[in-house]
Amino acid sequence: MSLAKYEVFSTVVELGSLTRTAEKLGLTQSAVSHAIASLESEWGFALLTRGRAGIGLTPNGARVLKHVRDIIQRSELLKQEVASIQGLETGTVRIGTFTSISTQWLPGIMKRFQAEHPAIEIKLLEGDYDEINDWITSGAVDFGFVSLTAARPFDIIPLTKDNLLCIVPDESPYREMNVMSLAQLQAEPFIMPKWGKESDLLRIIKINRLSLNIKYEVLEDQAIMAMVKNGLGISILPAMVLYEALDGIHMIGLEGDPYRTIVLAAVSFKHLSPAARKFKKHIVSWLSEQQVSL
């Protein structure tokens, strides 16, 4: 068994590129290709597909990926337990996150954590709720930040409530309103944030049977704000995203004060590595000190 080959395979799937995998792992591209070819020869089936759309998993590759990542995780856990017994602190913690957490919380959290634990490496994977859920399930990350609405049946630690607000351009006739009814949302062109299939906004739309005039579906929060500023529609974003809102847009509360609950989620917090347990504890402590709570 070659753990290095498993790391290569897992990273190629994570990044979708042989070149980026080589850069991340400090290898040549030919070494990455050789590692994949060696595994395919050893196991007797293809692991990856290669086409115009990029690199993907074969059905057999998808079947073995979870087991490969389990082995990588258990190897990391063993390394950290041995280091802990020896009185050392080392290891790697992989976190799934989304933009507003990466911008608002993680810089402060990571700065202090790395000052206290310099030998522990933190790696971030940023995506939408669906991607983070998949990374937690597959073992690509130790744990992740998600919305409670979108979380699968994981272990969770609730962290904070984040109000959802309507944003309109400054010239909108709605800008003088303190609260906007959900029915009024249906009268305007709407820019839909792409947060995942089980987002808080989609839940609100479904529960209230809203029929929005969706003109655009956009992933990036800053792009949504820029489009609203330029009169292309209205949208709904969390207050955490709007802490540095662009000039030219106005925030309005929504009927019923809807919010998302941000949680930490893991397959099992009891089975985290020592380094991941330290980082989880540090997150909760940092948020408490910042008076961020439910």
Protein backbone atom coordinates (compact mmCIF):
# COMPACT_ATOMS: atom_id res chain seq x y z
CA MET A 1 0.00 0.00 0.00
CA SER A 2 1.35 3.42 -0.99
CA LEU A 3 -0.20 6.28 0.95
CA ALA A 4 1.50 8.76 -1.41
CA LYS A 5 -0.44 7.30 -4.36
CA TYR A 6 -3.67 7.58 -2.41
CA GLU A 7 -2.91 11.24 -1.66
CA VAL A 8 -2.34 11.85 -5.38
CA PHE A 9 -5.60 10.13 -6.37
CA SER A 10 -7.64 12.00 -3.74
CA THR A 11 -6.10 15.36 -4.68
CA VAL A 12 -6.67 14.85 -8.41
CA VAL A 13 -10.37 14.23 -7.70
CA GLU A 14 -10.51 17.26 -5.36
CA LEU A 15 -8.87 19.66 -7.86
CA GLY A 16 -9.97 18.08 -11.14
CA SER A 17 -6.55 18.67 -12.68
CA LEU A 18 -3.24 16.79 -12.94
CA THR A 19 -1.33 20.06 -13.30
CA ARG A 20 -2.87 21.65 -10.19
CA THR A 21 -2.34 18.42 -8.25
CA ALA A 22 1.35 18.42 -9.19
CA GLU A 23 1.69 22.05 -8.06
CA LYS A 24 -0.11 21.42 -4.76
CA LEU A 25 1.85 18.27 -3.88
CA GLY A 26 5.21 19.52 -5.17
CA LEU A 27 5.46 16.81 -7.84
CA THR A 28 5.99 16.76 -11.57
CA GLN A 29 2.93 16.16 -13.74
CA SER A 30 4.49 12.93 -15.00
CA ALA A 31 4.86 11.72 -11.39
CA VAL A 32 1.17 12.39 -10.81
CA SER A 33 0.22 10.51 -13.98
CA HIS A 34 2.51 7.64 -13.00
CA ALA A 35 0.92 7.37 -9.54
CA ILE A 36 -2.57 7.14 -11.03
CA ALA A 37 -1.45 4.65 -13.68
CA SER A 38 0.25 2.56 -10.98
CA LEU A 39 -2.96 2.36 -8.92
CA GLU A 40 -5.01 1.49 -12.01
CA SER A 41 -2.54 -1.25 -12.91
CA GLU A 42 -2.45 -2.58 -9.34
CA TRP A 43 -6.23 -2.69 -9.01
CA GLY A 44 -7.03 -3.69 -12.58
CA PHE A 45 -9.52 -0.96 -13.48
CA ALA A 46 -9.59 2.68 -14.54
CA LEU A 47 -10.05 5.32 -11.85
CA LEU A 48 -10.41 8.51 -13.88
CA THR A 49 -12.03 9.70 -17.08
CA ARG A 50 -10.38 12.39 -19.17
CA GLY A 51 -12.35 14.53 -21.59
CA ARG A 52 -13.08 18.06 -22.72
CA ALA A 53 -14.98 18.72 -19.51
CA GLY A 54 -11.89 17.80 -17.50
CA ILE A 55 -11.07 14.90 -15.21
CA GLY A 56 -13.82 12.87 -13.56
CA LEU A 57 -14.30 9.62 -11.70
CA THR A 58 -15.17 6.33 -13.31
CA PRO A 59 -17.90 4.33 -11.52
CA ASN A 60 -15.19 2.10 -10.03
CA GLY A 61 -13.14 5.15 -9.06
CA ALA A 62 -16.15 6.57 -7.22
CA ARG A 63 -16.59 3.28 -5.33
CA VAL A 64 -13.03 3.25 -3.99
CA LEU A 65 -12.60 7.00 -3.33
CA LYS A 66 -14.37 6.95 0.07
CA HIS A 67 -12.18 4.05 1.23
CA VAL A 68 -9.03 5.78 -0.03
CA ARG A 69 -9.92 8.93 1.90
CA ASP A 70 -10.74 6.87 4.99
CA ILE A 71 -7.22 5.40 4.85
CA ILE A 72 -5.68 8.87 4.43
CA GLN A 73 -7.69 10.18 7.38
CA ARG A 74 -6.78 7.22 9.59
CA SER A 75 -3.11 7.61 8.69
CA GLU A 76 -3.30 11.29 9.66
CA LEU A 77 -5.08 10.35 12.88
CA LEU A 78 -2.37 7.79 13.74
CA LYS A 79 0.38 10.32 13.03
CA GLN A 80 -1.26 12.89 15.27
CA GLU A 81 -1.92 10.42 18.10
CA VAL A 82 1.72 9.32 18.06
CA ALA A 83 2.82 12.96 18.09
CA SER A 84 0.45 13.65 20.98
CA ILE A 85 1.92 10.75 22.98
CA GLN A 86 5.39 12.14 22.28
CA GLY A 87 4.28 15.55 23.54
CA LEU A 88 4.34 17.13 20.07
CA GLU A 89 1.67 19.07 18.19
CA THR A 90 1.42 18.40 14.48
CA GLY A 91 -1.05 17.50 11.77
CA THR A 92 -3.33 18.85 9.07
CA VAL A 93 -6.94 20.01 9.49
CA ARG A 94 -9.16 20.30 6.42
CA ILE A 95 -12.17 22.60 6.66
CA GLY A 96 -15.14 23.08 4.32
CA THR A 97 -16.27 26.70 4.21
CA PHE A 98 -18.24 29.27 2.24
CA THR A 99 -17.41 32.86 1.30
CA SER A 100 -18.87 34.83 4.20
CA ILE A 101 -17.25 32.54 6.80
CA SER A 102 -13.93 32.71 4.96
CA THR A 103 -14.13 36.51 4.94
CA GLN A 104 -15.62 37.30 8.34
CA TRP A 105 -14.50 34.61 10.76
CA LEU A 106 -11.65 32.47 9.53
CA PRO A 107 -8.89 35.10 9.24
CA GLY A 108 -9.19 35.97 12.94
CA ILE A 109 -9.69 32.35 13.99
CA MET A 110 -6.71 31.08 12.00
CA LYS A 111 -4.37 33.93 12.98
CA ARG A 112 -4.64 33.15 16.68
CA PHE A 113 -4.76 29.38 16.25
CA GLN A 114 -1.60 29.29 14.19
CA ALA A 115 0.15 31.55 16.68
CA GLU A 116 -0.69 29.00 19.41
CA HIS A 117 -0.23 25.85 17.29
CA PRO A 118 2.31 26.69 14.54
CA ALA A 119 2.96 23.05 13.56
CA ILE A 120 -0.70 22.36 12.72
CA GLU A 121 -1.57 23.13 9.10
CA ILE A 122 -5.04 24.38 8.18
CA LYS A 123 -6.37 23.72 4.67
CA LEU A 124 -9.60 25.32 3.40
CA LEU A 125 -11.96 24.07 0.71
CA GLU A 126 -14.50 26.70 -0.30
CA GLY A 127 -17.79 25.85 -1.99
CA ASP A 128 -21.57 25.96 -1.69
CA TYR A 129 -23.59 23.98 0.85
CA ASP A 130 -23.96 20.95 -1.43
CA GLU A 131 -20.23 20.75 -2.08
CA ILE A 132 -19.38 21.12 1.62
CA ASN A 133 -21.86 18.37 2.52
CA ASP A 134 -20.25 16.11 -0.09
CA TRP A 135 -16.76 16.86 1.25
CA ILE A 136 -17.83 16.02 4.81
CA THR A 137 -19.50 12.78 3.68
CA SER A 138 -16.54 11.68 1.54
CA GLY A 139 -13.91 12.59 4.13
CA ALA A 140 -12.31 15.29 1.98
CA VAL A 141 -12.67 17.62 5.00
CA ASP A 142 -12.67 16.93 8.75
CA PHE A 143 -15.68 19.17 9.27
CA GLY A 144 -17.36 22.13 7.63
CA PHE A 145 -19.49 25.22 8.07
CA VAL A 146 -23.00 24.87 6.60
CA SER A 147 -26.50 26.17 7.11
CA LEU A 148 -28.63 24.01 9.40
CA THR A 149 -31.30 23.82 6.68
CA ALA A 150 -28.81 22.34 4.22
CA ALA A 151 -26.94 20.04 6.63
CA ARG A 152 -27.28 16.30 6.18
CA PRO A 153 -27.71 13.99 9.22
CA PHE A 154 -24.32 14.94 10.66
CA ASP A 155 -23.13 15.77 14.14
CA ILE A 156 -23.66 19.53 14.42
CA ILE A 157 -22.69 22.43 16.67
CA PRO A 158 -24.99 25.48 16.19
CA LEU A 159 -22.94 28.69 16.01
CA THR A 160 -25.08 31.72 15.15
CA LYS A 161 -28.25 33.03 13.48
CA ASP A 162 -27.67 35.21 10.42
CA ASN A 163 -30.64 37.34 9.28
CA LEU A 164 -31.66 37.29 5.62
CA LEU A 165 -32.19 40.76 4.14
CA CYS A 166 -33.59 42.05 0.89
CA ILE A 167 -31.27 44.32 -1.11
CA VAL A 168 -32.53 46.88 -3.62
CA PRO A 169 -30.83 49.65 -5.62
CA ASP A 170 -30.79 53.12 -4.06
CA GLU A 171 -33.30 54.43 -6.59
CA SER A 172 -35.84 51.69 -5.76
CA PRO A 173 -39.24 52.85 -4.48
CA TYR A 174 -38.88 50.19 -1.77
CA ARG A 175 -35.81 51.78 -0.18
CA GLU A 176 -37.81 53.76 2.38
CA MET A 177 -39.47 50.62 3.72
CA ASN A 178 -38.33 49.06 6.99
CA VAL A 179 -39.85 45.67 6.20
CA MET A 180 -40.65 44.13 2.83
CA SER A 181 -43.41 41.55 2.53
CA LEU A 182 -42.61 38.26 0.85
CA ALA A 183 -45.41 38.87 -1.64
CA GLN A 184 -43.72 42.08 -2.80
CA LEU A 185 -40.66 40.08 -3.84
CA GLN A 186 -42.72 38.56 -6.64
CA ALA A 187 -43.27 41.90 -8.34
CA GLU A 188 -39.59 42.59 -9.13
CA PRO A 189 -36.89 40.93 -11.25
CA PHE A 190 -35.02 38.66 -8.85
CA ILE A 191 -31.35 37.65 -8.72
CA MET A 192 -31.19 34.17 -7.16
CA PRO A 193 -28.11 33.28 -5.08
CA LYS A 194 -26.77 29.81 -5.90
CA TRP A 195 -26.25 28.41 -2.39
CA GLY A 196 -27.15 24.77 -3.12
CA LYS A 197 -30.22 22.61 -3.49
CA GLU A 198 -31.28 22.85 0.17
CA SER A 199 -30.69 26.52 0.90
CA ASP A 200 -32.63 28.65 3.38
CA LEU A 201 -33.90 30.87 0.57
CA LEU A 202 -35.30 27.93 -1.41
CA ARG A 203 -36.99 26.71 1.78
CA ILE A 204 -38.64 30.13 2.26
CA ILE A 205 -39.80 30.16 -1.36
CA LYS A 206 -41.26 26.66 -1.04
CA ILE A 207 -42.99 27.17 2.32
CA ASN A 208 -44.59 30.44 1.23
CA ARG A 209 -45.35 29.21 -2.30
CA LEU A 210 -43.66 32.20 -3.85
CA SER A 211 -43.39 32.60 -7.60
CA LEU A 212 -40.34 34.79 -8.09
CA ASN A 213 -39.43 36.44 -11.38
CA ILE A 214 -35.93 34.96 -11.45
CA LYS A 215 -33.81 36.71 -14.08
CA TYR A 216 -30.36 35.52 -13.03
CA GLU A 217 -28.80 32.80 -10.88
CA VAL A 218 -25.44 33.91 -9.48
CA LEU A 219 -22.89 32.24 -7.21
CA GLU A 220 -20.71 35.17 -6.08
CA ASP A 221 -22.18 37.50 -3.43
CA GLN A 222 -20.20 40.51 -4.67
CA ALA A 223 -21.52 39.94 -8.19
CA ILE A 224 -25.11 39.85 -6.86
CA MET A 225 -24.60 43.16 -5.04
CA ALA A 226 -23.07 44.76 -8.14
CA MET A 227 -26.01 43.60 -10.28
CA VAL A 228 -28.52 44.99 -7.78
CA LYS A 229 -26.63 48.28 -7.67
CA ASN A 230 -26.95 48.51 -11.46
CA GLY A 231 -30.71 47.97 -11.41
CA LEU A 232 -30.77 44.43 -12.79
CA GLY A 233 -33.04 43.19 -10.02
CA ILE A 234 -33.41 42.74 -6.29
CA SER A 235 -32.06 39.88 -4.19
CA ILE A 236 -31.80 38.37 -0.71
CA LEU A 237 -28.48 37.93 1.08
CA PRO A 238 -27.45 37.15 4.67
CA ALA A 239 -26.45 40.04 6.94
CA MET A 240 -22.98 38.49 7.30
CA VAL A 241 -22.42 38.94 3.57
CA LEU A 242 -23.58 42.55 3.67
CA TYR A 243 -21.15 43.80 6.32
CA GLU A 244 -19.25 45.60 3.54
CA ALA A 245 -22.16 46.29 1.22
CA LEU A 246 -21.47 48.36 -1.90
CA ASP A 247 -22.52 51.96 -2.10
CA GLY A 248 -25.67 52.22 -4.19
CA ILE A 249 -27.65 49.40 -2.57
CA HIS A 250 -30.10 49.51 0.31
CA MET A 251 -30.90 46.75 2.82
CA ILE A 252 -34.49 46.03 3.93
CA GLY A 253 -35.75 43.59 6.56
CA LEU A 254 -38.07 40.81 5.46
CA GLU A 255 -41.48 39.83 6.75
CA GLY A 256 -41.11 37.21 9.48
CA ASP A 257 -37.42 38.00 10.08
CA PRO A 258 -36.09 34.90 8.29
CA TYR A 259 -32.56 33.78 9.08
CA ARG A 260 -30.09 30.99 8.48
CA THR A 261 -28.51 29.07 11.36
CA ILE A 262 -24.81 28.50 10.72
CA VAL A 263 -23.47 25.27 12.18
CA LEU A 264 -20.29 23.24 12.29
CA ALA A 265 -20.96 19.78 10.86
CA ALA A 266 -18.98 16.53 10.89
CA VAL A 267 -19.67 12.85 10.34
CA SER A 268 -18.62 12.40 13.99
CA PHE A 269 -17.01 14.97 16.26
CA LYS A 270 -16.00 12.13 18.61
CA HIS A 271 -13.69 10.65 15.98
CA LEU A 272 -11.86 13.80 14.91
CA SER A 273 -8.08 13.81 14.92
CA PRO A 274 -6.36 15.60 17.83
CA ALA A 275 -5.53 18.58 15.59
CA ALA A 276 -9.10 18.83 14.29
CA ARG A 277 -10.45 18.64 17.85
CA LYS A 278 -8.17 21.51 18.88
CA PHE A 279 -9.29 23.62 15.92
CA LYS A 280 -12.98 22.91 16.55
CA LYS A 281 -12.59 23.94 20.19
CA HIS A 282 -10.71 27.06 19.11
CA ILE A 283 -13.51 28.07 16.70
CA VAL A 284 -16.16 27.84 19.41
CA SER A 285 -13.96 29.73 21.89
CA TRP A 286 -13.13 32.51 19.40
CA LEU A 287 -16.79 33.02 18.47
CA SER A 288 -17.75 33.17 22.14
CA GLU A 289 -15.13 35.85 22.76
CA GLN A 290 -16.42 37.81 19.77
CA GLN A 291 -19.92 37.50 21.28
CA VAL A 292 -21.15 35.61 18.25
CA SER A 293 -23.84 33.21 19.46
CA LEU A 294 -27.38 32.01 18.90
